[in-house]
Protein backbone atom coordinates (compact mmCIF):
# COMPACT_ATOMS: atom_id res chain seq x y z
CA UNK A 1 -21.38 4.96 -15.07
CA UNK A 2 -23.54 1.95 -14.20
CA UNK A 3 -22.13 -0.49 -11.65
CA UNK A 4 -22.73 -4.11 -12.57
CA UNK A 5 -22.66 -7.06 -10.24
CA UNK A 6 -21.42 -9.97 -12.40
CA UNK A 7 -21.91 -13.65 -11.57
CA UNK A 8 -18.46 -15.25 -12.03
CA UNK A 9 -20.02 -18.66 -12.73
CA UNK A 10 -22.36 -17.63 -15.55
CA UNK A 11 -20.83 -14.23 -16.48
CA UNK A 12 -24.39 -12.93 -16.35
CA UNK A 13 -25.47 -9.72 -14.64
CA UNK A 14 -26.85 -10.11 -11.12
CA UNK A 15 -27.83 -6.49 -10.74
CA UNK A 16 -27.15 -3.03 -12.13
CA UNK A 17 -26.91 0.02 -9.89
CA UNK A 18 -26.41 3.71 -10.44
CA UNK A 19 -23.60 4.95 -8.19
CA UNK A 20 -24.02 7.87 -5.83
CA UNK A 21 -22.64 11.16 -6.98
CA UNK A 22 -19.70 12.55 -5.04
CA UNK A 23 -22.11 15.03 -3.43
CA UNK A 24 -24.45 12.24 -2.29
CA UNK A 25 -21.56 10.25 -0.85
CA UNK A 26 -20.29 13.31 0.95
CA UNK A 27 -23.77 13.90 2.39
CA UNK A 28 -23.75 10.33 3.74
CA UNK A 29 -20.47 11.05 5.51
CA UNK A 30 -21.89 14.31 6.86
CA UNK A 31 -24.90 12.41 8.23
CA UNK A 32 -22.59 9.84 9.84
CA UNK A 33 -20.62 12.66 11.43
CA UNK A 34 -23.81 14.07 12.86
CA UNK A 35 -24.87 10.69 14.22
CA UNK A 36 -21.49 9.88 15.76
CA UNK A 37 -21.88 12.11 18.82
CA UNK A 38 -25.20 10.54 19.78
CA UNK A 39 -23.74 7.06 19.32
CA UNK A 40 -20.77 7.99 21.49
CA UNK A 41 -22.99 9.45 24.20
CA UNK A 42 -25.23 6.36 24.35
CA UNK A 43 -22.52 4.76 26.45
CA UNK A 44 -20.64 1.52 26.16
CA UNK A 45 -23.39 -0.70 27.58
CA UNK A 46 -25.84 0.43 24.90
CA UNK A 47 -23.28 0.01 22.15
CA UNK A 48 -22.40 -3.49 23.34
CA UNK A 49 -26.09 -4.38 23.29
CA UNK A 50 -26.30 -3.47 19.61
CA UNK A 51 -23.12 -5.45 18.84
CA UNK A 52 -24.65 -8.52 20.52
CA UNK A 53 -27.81 -8.08 18.49
CA UNK A 54 -25.75 -7.78 15.30
CA UNK A 55 -24.22 -11.20 16.01
CA UNK A 56 -27.73 -12.65 16.26
CA UNK A 57 -28.87 -10.98 13.03
CA UNK A 58 -25.83 -12.28 11.14
CA UNK A 59 -26.59 -15.81 12.29
CA UNK A 60 -30.26 -15.45 11.38
CA UNK A 61 -29.40 -14.21 7.88
CA UNK A 62 -26.34 -16.39 7.32
CA UNK A 63 -27.66 -18.43 4.42
CA UNK A 64 -29.17 -15.58 2.42
CA UNK A 65 -26.09 -13.37 2.90
CA UNK A 66 -23.78 -16.25 1.94
CA UNK A 67 -25.73 -16.76 -1.30
CA UNK A 68 -25.06 -13.14 -2.26
CA UNK A 69 -21.31 -13.65 -1.82
CA UNK A 70 -21.47 -16.77 -3.98
CA UNK A 71 -23.42 -14.93 -6.68
CA UNK A 72 -21.17 -11.86 -6.69
CA UNK A 73 -17.62 -13.17 -6.29
CA UNK A 74 -17.87 -16.96 -6.54
CA UNK A 75 -17.17 -17.86 -2.92
CA UNK A 76 -18.14 -21.47 -2.23
CA UNK A 77 -21.48 -21.29 -0.38
CA UNK A 78 -20.48 -23.39 2.61
CA UNK A 79 -17.29 -21.30 3.02
CA UNK A 80 -19.29 -18.07 2.81
CA UNK A 81 -21.53 -19.34 5.62
CA UNK A 82 -18.43 -20.03 7.72
CA UNK A 83 -17.23 -16.50 6.98
CA UNK A 84 -20.46 -14.99 8.28
CA UNK A 85 -20.37 -17.17 11.38
CA UNK A 86 -16.89 -15.86 12.02
CA UNK A 87 -18.22 -12.31 11.74
CA UNK A 88 -20.81 -13.15 14.39
CA UNK A 89 -18.06 -14.59 16.59
CA UNK A 90 -16.13 -11.35 16.14
CA UNK A 91 -19.14 -9.45 17.51
CA UNK A 92 -19.24 -11.86 20.46
CA UNK A 93 -15.55 -11.23 21.15
CA UNK A 94 -15.83 -7.45 21.26
CA UNK A 95 -19.06 -7.51 23.23
CA UNK A 96 -17.49 -9.80 25.84
CA UNK A 97 -14.28 -7.77 26.19
CA UNK A 98 -15.37 -4.19 25.51
CA UNK A 99 -15.39 -3.03 29.13
CA UNK A 100 -12.07 -4.66 29.95
CA UNK A 101 -10.42 -3.20 26.86
CA UNK A 102 -11.96 0.29 27.04
CA UNK A 103 -12.34 1.09 30.73
CA UNK A 104 -10.09 3.86 32.01
CA UNK A 105 -6.62 2.73 33.02
CA UNK A 106 -5.34 4.38 36.22
CA UNK A 107 -1.65 5.26 36.33
CA UNK A 108 0.22 5.91 39.57
CA UNK A 109 1.78 9.40 39.50
CA UNK A 110 2.40 12.26 41.93
CA UNK A 111 -0.91 13.85 40.85
CA UNK A 112 -4.30 13.39 42.49
CA UNK A 113 -5.45 11.29 39.57
CA UNK A 114 -3.93 10.14 36.28
CA UNK A 115 -5.88 7.95 33.88
CA UNK A 116 -5.70 6.78 30.29
CA UNK A 117 -9.11 7.05 28.62
CA UNK A 118 -10.18 5.56 25.28
CA UNK A 119 -12.50 7.71 23.21
CA UNK A 120 -13.82 7.61 19.61
CA UNK A 121 -12.30 9.83 16.94
CA UNK A 122 -15.49 10.37 14.90
CA UNK A 123 -16.16 8.79 11.49
CA UNK A 124 -14.13 5.93 9.98
CA UNK A 125 -14.26 5.46 6.21
CA UNK A 126 -13.85 1.74 5.45
CA UNK A 127 -12.67 1.07 1.88
CA UNK A 128 -12.95 -2.68 1.49
CA UNK A 129 -12.22 -5.43 -1.08
CA UNK A 130 -14.38 -8.18 -2.52
CA UNK A 131 -12.43 -11.33 -1.59
CA UNK A 132 -14.01 -11.80 1.86
CA UNK A 133 -16.97 -9.47 1.38
CA UNK A 134 -18.29 -9.71 4.94
CA UNK A 135 -15.36 -10.39 7.25
CA UNK A 136 -13.17 -7.68 5.68
CA UNK A 137 -15.84 -5.15 6.56
CA UNK A 138 -16.78 -6.39 10.02
CA UNK A 139 -13.16 -6.65 11.21
CA UNK A 140 -12.96 -2.89 10.75
CA UNK A 141 -16.50 -1.83 11.58
CA UNK A 142 -17.23 -3.79 14.76
CA UNK A 143 -14.25 -2.59 16.85
CA UNK A 144 -14.57 0.97 15.53
CA UNK A 145 -18.28 1.06 16.40
CA UNK A 146 -17.69 -0.48 19.82
CA UNK A 147 -15.32 2.37 20.69
CA UNK A 148 -18.06 4.80 19.66
CA UNK A 149 -17.17 5.81 16.11
CA UNK A 150 -19.56 5.89 13.18
CA UNK A 151 -18.56 3.94 10.05
CA UNK A 152 -19.12 4.64 6.36
CA UNK A 153 -18.48 1.65 4.08
CA UNK A 154 -17.27 2.13 0.54
CA UNK A 155 -17.16 -1.50 -0.58
CA UNK A 156 -15.72 -2.91 -3.78
CA UNK A 157 -18.06 -2.42 -6.70
CA UNK A 158 -17.70 -6.13 -7.42
CA UNK A 159 -20.00 -6.86 -4.48
CA UNK A 160 -22.67 -4.14 -4.19
CA UNK A 161 -25.38 -6.58 -3.10
CA UNK A 162 -23.19 -7.80 -0.25
CA UNK A 163 -22.49 -4.19 0.68
CA UNK A 164 -26.18 -3.36 0.98
CA UNK A 165 -26.84 -6.59 2.90
CA UNK A 166 -24.30 -5.49 5.50
CA UNK A 167 -26.08 -2.17 6.00
CA UNK A 168 -29.39 -4.02 6.29
CA UNK A 169 -27.91 -6.25 9.00
CA UNK A 170 -26.90 -3.19 11.04
CA UNK A 171 -30.39 -1.75 10.65
CA UNK A 172 -31.87 -5.07 11.72
CA UNK A 173 -29.71 -4.99 14.83
CA UNK A 174 -31.16 -1.64 15.85
CA UNK A 175 -28.19 0.62 15.21
CA UNK A 176 -29.21 4.29 15.11
CA UNK A 177 -29.71 5.85 11.71
CA UNK A 178 -26.48 6.87 9.93
CA UNK A 179 -24.15 5.25 12.50
CA UNK A 180 -23.30 2.66 9.82
CA UNK A 181 -23.77 3.69 6.20
CA UNK A 182 -22.99 1.96 2.90
CA UNK A 183 -22.18 4.12 -0.10
CA UNK A 184 -21.90 2.92 -3.70
CA UNK A 185 -19.53 5.22 -5.59
CA UNK A 186 -16.95 5.33 -8.31
CA UNK A 187 -13.29 5.66 -7.35
CA UNK A 188 -13.12 9.37 -8.08
CA UNK A 189 -15.44 10.12 -5.17
CA UNK A 190 -13.20 8.38 -2.63
CA UNK A 191 -10.52 11.08 -2.65
CA UNK A 192 -13.10 13.77 -1.90
CA UNK A 193 -14.41 11.77 1.03
CA UNK A 194 -10.96 11.29 2.56
CA UNK A 195 -10.23 15.00 2.26
CA UNK A 196 -13.56 16.04 3.74
CA UNK A 197 -14.03 17.27 7.29
CA UNK A 198 -16.65 14.56 7.81
CA UNK A 199 -14.10 11.70 7.80
CA UNK A 200 -11.64 11.29 10.69
CA UNK A 201 -9.92 8.00 9.86
CA UNK A 202 -9.52 5.58 6.96
CA UNK A 203 -9.22 1.81 6.89
CA UNK A 204 -8.21 0.30 3.54
CA UNK A 205 -7.64 -3.26 2.40
CA UNK A 206 -6.41 -3.84 -1.15
CA UNK A 207 -3.43 -3.55 -3.44
CA UNK A 208 -0.15 -1.87 -2.53
CA UNK A 209 -0.52 0.69 -5.33
CA UNK A 210 -4.01 1.71 -4.24
CA UNK A 211 -2.92 1.73 -0.60
CA UNK A 212 -0.09 4.11 -1.43
CA UNK A 213 -2.59 6.59 -2.91
CA UNK A 214 -4.97 6.22 0.05
CA UNK A 215 -2.07 6.86 2.44
CA UNK A 216 -1.06 9.99 0.53
CA UNK A 217 -4.58 11.38 0.76
CA UNK A 218 -4.86 10.57 4.46
CA UNK A 219 -1.43 12.05 5.19
CA UNK A 220 -2.27 15.33 3.44
CA UNK A 221 -5.27 15.70 5.74
CA UNK A 222 -3.38 14.38 8.82
CA UNK A 223 -5.85 11.52 9.30
CA UNK A 224 -5.33 8.19 10.93
CA UNK A 225 -4.98 5.34 8.45
CA UNK A 226 -4.86 1.54 8.64
CA UNK A 227 -3.62 -0.28 5.53
CA UNK A 228 -3.78 -4.03 4.91
CA UNK A 229 -2.11 -4.46 1.54
CA UNK A 230 -1.72 -8.14 0.97
CA UNK A 231 1.32 -10.33 0.89
CA UNK A 232 3.36 -13.08 -0.67
CA UNK A 233 3.59 -15.31 2.37
CA UNK A 234 6.41 -17.89 2.57
CA UNK A 235 5.68 -21.50 3.54
CA UNK A 236 8.93 -23.17 4.66
CA UNK A 237 9.09 -26.97 4.86
CA UNK A 238 12.03 -28.32 6.88
CA UNK A 239 13.37 -31.88 6.41
CA UNK A 240 11.92 -33.10 9.72
CA UNK A 241 8.37 -31.89 8.99
CA UNK A 242 5.38 -34.22 9.04
CA UNK A 243 5.04 -34.44 5.27
CA UNK A 244 1.36 -35.31 5.21
CA UNK A 245 0.53 -32.44 7.56
CA UNK A 246 2.74 -30.06 5.56
CA UNK A 247 1.16 -31.02 2.23
CA UNK A 248 -2.33 -30.71 3.68
CA UNK A 249 -1.35 -27.36 5.22
CA UNK A 250 0.01 -26.15 1.88
CA UNK A 251 -3.24 -26.81 0.04
CA UNK A 252 -5.50 -25.74 2.90
CA UNK A 253 -3.69 -22.43 3.38
CA UNK A 254 -3.34 -21.67 -0.34
CA UNK A 255 -6.76 -22.42 -1.75
CA UNK A 256 -9.37 -20.58 0.41
CA UNK A 257 -11.58 -18.35 -1.73
CA UNK A 258 -9.92 -19.85 -4.83
CA UNK A 259 -6.54 -18.59 -3.62
CA UNK A 260 -7.81 -15.00 -3.44
CA UNK A 261 -6.69 -14.31 0.11
CA UNK A 262 -4.08 -11.87 1.41
CA UNK A 263 -3.18 -14.21 4.26
CA UNK A 264 -2.86 -17.32 2.07
CA UNK A 265 0.49 -19.08 1.76
CA UNK A 266 1.92 -18.12 -1.63
CA UNK A 267 5.62 -19.01 -1.91
CA UNK A 268 6.44 -22.62 -1.03
CA UNK A 269 10.03 -23.26 0.00
CA UNK A 270 11.14 -26.87 0.47
CA UNK A 271 14.50 -27.56 2.11
CA UNK A 272 16.81 -30.22 0.67
CA UNK A 273 15.79 -33.82 0.04
CA UNK A 274 12.31 -33.31 1.42
CA UNK A 275 11.26 -31.43 -1.71
CA UNK A 276 10.34 -34.47 -3.82
CA UNK A 277 8.07 -36.06 -1.25
CA UNK A 278 6.46 -32.76 -0.30
CA UNK A 279 5.84 -31.89 -3.96
CA UNK A 280 4.37 -35.32 -4.72
CA UNK A 281 1.91 -35.08 -1.85
CA UNK A 282 0.92 -31.52 -2.72
CA UNK A 283 0.25 -32.53 -6.34
CA UNK A 284 -1.94 -35.44 -5.18
CA UNK A 285 -4.00 -33.21 -2.92
CA UNK A 286 -4.30 -30.46 -5.51
CA UNK A 287 -5.48 -32.86 -8.21
CA UNK A 288 -8.17 -34.18 -5.88
CA UNK A 289 -9.80 -30.79 -5.34
CA UNK A 290 -13.35 -30.53 -6.67
CA UNK A 291 -13.79 -27.45 -8.87
CA UNK A 292 -17.27 -26.43 -9.87
CA UNK A 293 -20.49 -24.65 -9.05
CA UNK A 294 -19.91 -22.86 -5.73
CA UNK A 295 -23.55 -23.41 -4.77
CA UNK A 296 -22.94 -27.19 -4.83
CA UNK A 297 -22.06 -28.65 -1.41
CA UNK A 298 -19.49 -30.97 -3.03
CA UNK A 299 -17.49 -28.11 -4.53
CA UNK A 300 -14.22 -27.10 -2.87
CA UNK A 301 -12.98 -24.51 -5.39
CA UNK A 302 -15.20 -22.04 -7.19
CA UNK A 303 -14.33 -19.52 -9.89
CA UNK A 304 -12.09 -16.50 -9.62
CA UNK A 305 -14.01 -13.33 -8.86
CA UNK A 306 -13.77 -11.62 -12.23
CA UNK A 307 -12.21 -11.73 -15.67
CA UNK A 308 -9.29 -9.51 -14.66
CA UNK A 309 -8.29 -11.94 -11.92
CA UNK A 310 -8.45 -14.84 -14.36
CA UNK A 311 -6.33 -13.08 -16.97
CA UNK A 312 -3.74 -12.02 -14.38
CA UNK A 313 -3.32 -15.59 -13.11
CA UNK A 314 -2.97 -16.86 -16.67
CA UNK A 315 -0.24 -14.35 -17.44
CA UNK A 316 1.67 -15.09 -14.21
CA UNK A 317 1.69 -18.83 -14.88
CA UNK A 318 2.53 -18.32 -18.56
CA UNK A 319 5.52 -16.14 -17.64
CA UNK A 320 6.79 -18.75 -15.15
CA UNK A 321 6.61 -21.50 -17.76
CA UNK A 322 8.41 -19.30 -20.31
CA UNK A 323 11.24 -18.90 -17.78
CA UNK A 324 11.56 -22.62 -17.14
CA UNK A 325 8.92 -23.64 -14.60
CA UNK A 326 7.01 -26.90 -15.05
CA UNK A 327 3.24 -27.23 -14.68
CA UNK A 328 2.71 -30.41 -12.65
CA UNK A 329 -1.07 -30.06 -12.66
CA UNK A 330 -3.62 -27.46 -13.71
CA UNK A 331 -2.23 -24.41 -15.46
CA UNK A 332 -5.25 -23.65 -17.62
CA UNK A 333 -8.82 -22.40 -17.68
CA UNK A 334 -11.63 -24.80 -16.96
CA UNK A 335 -14.72 -24.77 -19.17
CA UNK A 336 -15.87 -22.19 -21.70
CA UNK A 337 -18.01 -20.10 -19.36
CA UNK A 338 -17.21 -18.54 -16.02
CA UNK A 339 -13.88 -17.53 -14.52
CA UNK A 340 -12.65 -20.99 -13.57
CA UNK A 341 -8.96 -21.87 -13.38
CA UNK A 342 -7.65 -25.32 -12.53
CA UNK A 343 -5.75 -25.58 -9.22
CA UNK A 344 -2.10 -25.50 -10.25
CA UNK A 345 1.25 -26.70 -8.96
CA UNK A 346 4.47 -25.30 -10.45
CA UNK A 347 7.96 -26.74 -9.94
CA UNK A 348 11.34 -25.57 -11.18
CA UNK A 349 10.42 -22.12 -9.91
CA UNK A 350 13.02 -19.34 -9.66
CA UNK A 351 12.87 -16.25 -7.47
CA UNK A 352 12.88 -13.87 -10.47
CA UNK A 353 9.53 -15.21 -11.71
CA UNK A 354 6.36 -13.19 -11.17
CA UNK A 355 4.81 -16.04 -9.14
CA UNK A 356 7.55 -15.44 -6.57
CA UNK A 357 7.81 -11.64 -6.79
CA UNK A 358 4.17 -10.58 -7.05
CA UNK A 359 1.14 -11.37 -4.96
CA UNK A 360 -0.51 -14.28 -6.77
CA UNK A 361 -4.26 -14.04 -6.18
CA UNK A 362 -5.41 -17.39 -7.44
CA UNK A 363 -5.16 -21.20 -6.99
CA UNK A 364 -1.45 -21.56 -7.81
CA UNK A 365 1.21 -23.29 -5.70
CA UNK A 366 4.78 -22.45 -6.84
CA UNK A 367 7.39 -24.69 -5.18
CA UNK A 368 11.04 -23.68 -4.94
CA UNK A 369 13.81 -25.89 -3.55
CA UNK A 370 16.68 -24.57 -1.41
CA UNK A 371 19.72 -26.28 0.09
CA UNK A 372 19.37 -25.45 3.77
CA UNK A 373 17.50 -23.64 6.51
CA UNK A 374 19.59 -20.47 6.21
CA UNK A 375 18.84 -20.19 2.51
CA UNK A 376 15.14 -20.79 3.21
CA UNK A 377 14.96 -17.91 5.68
CA UNK A 378 16.82 -15.62 3.29
CA UNK A 379 14.43 -16.46 0.44
CA UNK A 380 11.40 -16.09 2.72
CA UNK A 381 12.44 -12.52 3.53
CA UNK A 382 13.49 -11.64 -0.02
CA UNK A 383 10.23 -9.88 -0.83
CA UNK A 384 8.71 -6.41 -0.61
CA UNK A 385 5.81 -7.90 1.32
CA UNK A 386 5.62 -8.79 5.01
CA UNK A 387 2.14 -9.93 5.93
CA UNK A 388 2.63 -13.51 7.08
CA UNK A 389 4.66 -16.68 6.86
CA UNK A 390 4.93 -20.17 8.29
CA UNK A 391 7.45 -22.92 8.99
CA UNK A 392 6.68 -26.63 9.17
CA UNK A 393 8.76 -28.85 11.46
CA UNK A 394 8.44 -31.39 14.27
CA UNK A 395 10.94 -29.42 16.35
CA UNK A 396 8.68 -26.73 17.82
CA UNK A 397 11.49 -24.80 19.49
CA UNK A 398 13.40 -24.63 16.24
CA UNK A 399 10.23 -23.70 14.40
CA UNK A 400 9.54 -20.80 16.74
CA UNK A 401 13.11 -19.56 16.36
CA UNK A 402 12.68 -19.48 12.57
CA UNK A 403 9.22 -17.91 12.85
CA UNK A 404 10.79 -15.04 14.81
CA UNK A 405 13.21 -14.47 11.91
CA UNK A 406 10.45 -14.19 9.30
CA UNK A 407 9.86 -10.51 8.52
CA UNK A 408 6.09 -10.43 8.85
CA UNK A 409 3.20 -9.35 11.04
CA UNK A 410 2.03 -12.95 11.53
CA UNK A 411 4.19 -16.08 11.66
CA UNK A 412 3.02 -19.62 12.31
CA UNK A 413 4.65 -22.92 13.22
CA UNK A 414 2.76 -25.83 11.62
CA UNK A 415 -0.03 -23.36 10.91
CA UNK A 416 -0.58 -20.84 8.15
CA UNK A 417 -0.64 -17.08 8.66
CA UNK A 418 -4.42 -16.76 8.54
CA UNK A 419 -6.07 -14.26 10.84
CA UNK A 420 -7.67 -15.05 14.19
CA UNK A 421 -10.31 -12.79 15.78
CA UNK A 422 -8.44 -12.94 19.11
CA UNK A 423 -5.01 -11.95 17.80
CA UNK A 424 -3.70 -8.81 16.06
CA UNK A 425 -3.35 -9.08 12.28
CA UNK A 426 -1.43 -6.85 9.88
CA UNK A 427 1.86 -6.52 8.08
CA UNK A 428 5.20 -4.81 7.75
CA UNK A 429 7.09 -3.53 4.69
CA UNK A 430 4.68 -3.05 1.79
CA UNK A 431 2.01 -5.22 3.38
CA UNK A 432 0.72 -2.21 5.25
CA UNK A 433 0.53 -0.38 8.55
CA UNK A 434 -1.69 -0.82 11.58
CA UNK A 435 -3.48 -3.85 12.99
CA UNK A 436 -6.91 -5.44 12.88
CA UNK A 437 -8.64 -7.76 15.39
CA UNK A 438 -8.08 -8.09 19.15
CA UNK A 439 -7.71 -5.07 21.44
CA UNK A 440 -4.97 -3.70 19.18
CA UNK A 441 -7.39 -3.47 16.28
CA UNK A 442 -9.92 -1.68 18.47
CA UNK A 443 -7.41 0.97 19.53
CA UNK A 444 -6.43 1.91 15.95
CA UNK A 445 -9.41 4.27 15.80
CA UNK A 446 -9.50 5.33 19.45
CA UNK A 447 -8.17 8.54 20.92
CA UNK A 448 -5.88 7.28 23.68
CA UNK A 449 -6.29 10.26 25.96
CA UNK A 450 -4.27 11.12 29.06
CA UNK A 451 -6.26 12.84 31.82
CA UNK A 452 -4.42 14.37 34.79
CA UNK A 453 -6.10 15.84 37.87
CA UNK A 454 -3.58 17.89 39.85
C-alpha cells in the first residue's frame, strides 16, 4: 500500500511513500529501546540542553515546516507558523522547569531517608493526528524525552512530510540516534508495536472509537496509556455577557484549523433573550471570514484536511437541516476543486441532531436556545464527551461557579477551552484519560518511585 500525501487545496499528490513493514517498524522500536538507557544516563542537564537546542531549531525552520503543514492538511500558513512557535515555547517551558519538576522530593518519615524520585519508563509510542501536525507531537514528545524516555512517532498518514520534518528537527538539535524516531506504517502494524516488549507506554490523540481499541491493546499488555479523544465543547452565553466579546469568542474558538480542533467550542448555548443578538453578531463575523488559499496572508480559513472530512461535515449539516435547523450562512462547498466548505451558522438546532451529539470537525457553529442558566448547564453536560467548555458573563464569580459545574477537563470563563502549555489539558468521560502539558503531562510517562533508606 502506497501512502499518499494529498494537497487539500489542489487535490494533487504532494508525495508518495512506501510504508515500513511491521518488521521494520518493530526494529525501529527495538532501536529506540536500546537508545533509551543511554539517554536516561546522560543526566537531566544534558537532556535539557538538547531540549533548548530543539527550540532554536524549530524557530530556525519555522517557515519551511509551516509550509509542509499547509501543503499536507491545509493549515493557514501564518497559523502553522504560530503553531511551531508554540512548540518552541513548550521546549522553553520544560527546559526552564525540568529540575524543579523532576528533582527528588524528600518526605519526612521515621526512616533515615525517604524520597520520591521521578524516572523514565522506557519507550513511549506516540500515535498522533493530522489536525495540529507539530504541536500534537511535541506536547507528548518533549515532556517524555525530558524525563529520559525515548519516543517513537507513528504520525497520521495524512501528514508524512510533517512527520519526517519533526524527526529531522530532533536530529538537527543533536539528539542521540534512535532517541526520537518517526515510523511510517499502515494501521495494522500499530497493534504489533503496542504489544511488543520494546514499547512501554502509549500516547494517542484521535477518535473515541480508535482510542477504545488503543486502550484495549495497552490494557492487555499492562502498559501506561494517555488518550486525548476529542470533544463537543459547550459555549454558554448568559444574558449579562458582553455580546461583542462573546460573538468574537465564538468564532475565534470555533474556527482554528478550519474547525478541526478537539478543543474548539462546538455546541453554542444561548440563554433567553440574548440569543437573537448573539446569533446576529456571530453571523456577521462568520460571513466576514476570508476563505481561500492557505498560503495567502489574507486567508483566515483554509480547506478541510481531506475528502472524508468534507463529506462528513456535509452529511452532518444536511441531517440538521432535514430535522428543522436553518442555515443562516454557509452550509455548502466552496469552489469545484479542493476541500473547501463555507463557514456555517445553524439556528433552530435541537439536541437530537448530529451537530449536537457528535464531534463536528469543521467550520460549523450550531446555536441552541435555552430558557435559563440551569437548563444551559444541563444541556452542556448532556454529552458523552468531556474535554472542555466555557461560559460567557460579566459576573466572574457566577461564571466560575458555572465553570465548576461543567463536566470537563478544561473550563473557561470568557475564554475558550483551548490548551495552554503551562496548564494540564485532557478530558473526562469519552474525551479520554490522562493529561498533557505542565508538570502533570510530564509525569504521565514517569515512574514515580518511592525510595526508603532505613
